[in-house]
């Protein structure tokens, strides 16, 4: 909601704070699910604000940071095409984590209570290659940060920024080694407030929730660079914004997050929280957005998600769902969801699967594209 909750992706990166707190910077082992659950639960939340009830949203202020909460993320994903038919998926995400509820009492310019993590990935479908890179920096001396007026978030020279006082259109820029991305995003629909008027409840305890909104259809135009070739591209992107202090509860081990853009002009977002006993958590939820930007909440009894195949990672040994069928009968939707690349597993400090997917009907007619995030499947 990543991502997700992910929105999905986003919550997974909280493990980096655990990594920083423990002081174990020598191991390449990813934080365990237990560590992430402890951090995203109600522990160590004293002094931070919590998502307890719906609130008004104002823009561009809510594009910017919410430092009174422990964590938040800016999540961009999309599918892009060239004029000659090449297809690329991309992910550019920024995470902020507070290490303390108040600023340190130190005069040093390096003093900060905030760290920022960024993930950047390109899925090159024609070459069947997945590139993924990350950066981690403190919010000091200009290394990383975020602001609302004008809107911007950055880690070193990776950034998302508003081109006007209202925050839209937005420009994304990231480059490292063999890959680079430079896009302008224009929203074709108004903001969608997820959950209860923007309050997305992830568990039964008060405060186990986030404030969550999305821009579900962003016209995207710019360029992708692979090695020494730069390709003009256009397509659609999705932005998720989420901030919270605690979210997950004991018994929740991961999630599957879907952000799907249909060729008929609709969008579907759904995150399925998974429990240790294999059942979907009752706090799973989503939304259907119509062609004009109106939306309806999607509850677990309104959607059926069937795993059609599995894929095992050669990197981690994790077995992930490899394709799905989604049915929403009251919307007349039956979608087959298939990754453009099987291997879109993130395998740096953290390990999860996040990748571009194609949408088809049962006769293999194209119905759109999207992104899926899978967390909690890796044994590491």
Foldseek 3Di string as FASTA:
>chain_A
DVCCVVCHPQLQVVQVLVVVVVVPPPDQAADALVVSQCQQADPPLPLADFQFDADDDDPPQQLWDDLSAFKKKKWKWWWKAFPVGWIKIKIKMKMKGFQDNDFDPDDDQQGGRIKMKIKIWMQGLVVLDIDIDMDIGGPGPPQWHFGRQFGKTDHHPFIWTAPDRRRPFIWTWDDDAFKIDTKTWGQPADKAQPDPNQWQAQDDDRRQTKRKIKRQWIWMWDWMGGHHDIGTITGTMMIMIITGHHHHDAFFQWKKWWWWAWPVQKIKIWIFTAGPVGDTDQSTWIWIADNHGDIDIGGPVQKDKAQPAWDADPVQRFIGRAKIWMDRPVVPDTKTKGFSHRPQWDRGNHTWHKGKIWIAHPVRHGTGITMMTIPRRGPD
